[in-house]
Amino acid sequence: MNEVKIYDGSGSLKKVISSKELKKRADKLITNPMQYRKTNRKPSSVKST
């Protein structure tokens, strides 16, 4: 994997994620997929009939 550069809205560099860090993150995701789950999801509404 190549390193990833993250820019803000004005185009200035905010962060660089190294390939080593990306590899660690991918390994964690494989062992624990729920770790990167979005927590701001709204619960799906249940329709009653």
Protein backbone atom coordinates (compact mmCIF):
# COMPACT_ATOMS: atom_id res chain seq x y z
CA MET A 1 0.00 0.00 0.00
CA ASN A 2 1.09 3.55 -0.68
CA GLU A 3 1.02 6.30 1.91
CA VAL A 4 -2.12 8.43 2.03
CA LYS A 5 -2.08 12.22 2.23
CA ILE A 6 -5.09 13.96 3.75
CA TYR A 7 -5.84 17.57 2.87
CA ASP A 8 -8.30 20.01 4.40
CA GLY A 9 -10.84 22.09 2.48
CA SER A 10 -8.34 24.86 1.70
CA GLY A 11 -5.89 22.40 0.17
CA SER A 12 -3.22 22.37 2.87
CA LEU A 13 -1.80 19.06 4.03
CA LYS A 14 -3.34 17.88 7.30
CA LYS A 15 -1.95 14.40 7.79
CA VAL A 16 0.11 11.67 6.13
CA ILE A 17 -0.71 8.06 6.92
CA SER A 18 2.26 5.78 6.26
CA SER A 19 1.97 2.43 4.54
CA LYS A 20 3.04 0.75 7.79
CA GLU A 21 0.15 2.40 9.66
CA LEU A 22 -2.30 1.43 6.89
CA LYS A 23 -1.15 -2.18 7.15
CA LYS A 24 -1.70 -2.16 10.93
CA ARG A 25 -5.16 -0.65 10.45
CA ALA A 26 -6.08 -3.29 7.86
CA ASP A 27 -4.93 -6.11 10.15
CA LYS A 28 -7.03 -4.70 13.02
CA LEU A 29 -10.04 -4.44 10.74
CA ILE A 30 -9.72 -8.10 9.74
CA THR A 31 -9.55 -9.27 13.36
CA ASN A 32 -12.24 -6.89 14.67
CA PRO A 33 -14.55 -5.53 11.93
CA MET A 34 -16.88 -3.76 14.38
CA GLN A 35 -14.03 -1.47 15.49
CA TYR A 36 -14.53 0.88 12.54
CA ARG A 37 -18.34 0.80 12.55
CA LYS A 38 -19.96 4.22 12.35
CA THR A 39 -21.61 5.07 15.65
CA ASN A 40 -23.78 7.94 14.43
CA ARG A 41 -26.23 5.71 12.58
CA LYS A 42 -29.87 6.26 13.31
CA PRO A 43 -31.75 3.13 14.36
CA SER A 44 -33.96 1.83 11.60
CA SER A 45 -37.59 2.51 12.32
CA VAL A 46 -39.85 -0.47 12.79
CA LYS A 47 -43.18 -0.16 11.03
CA SER A 48 -46.11 -1.67 12.85
CA THR A 49 -49.12 -2.90 10.89
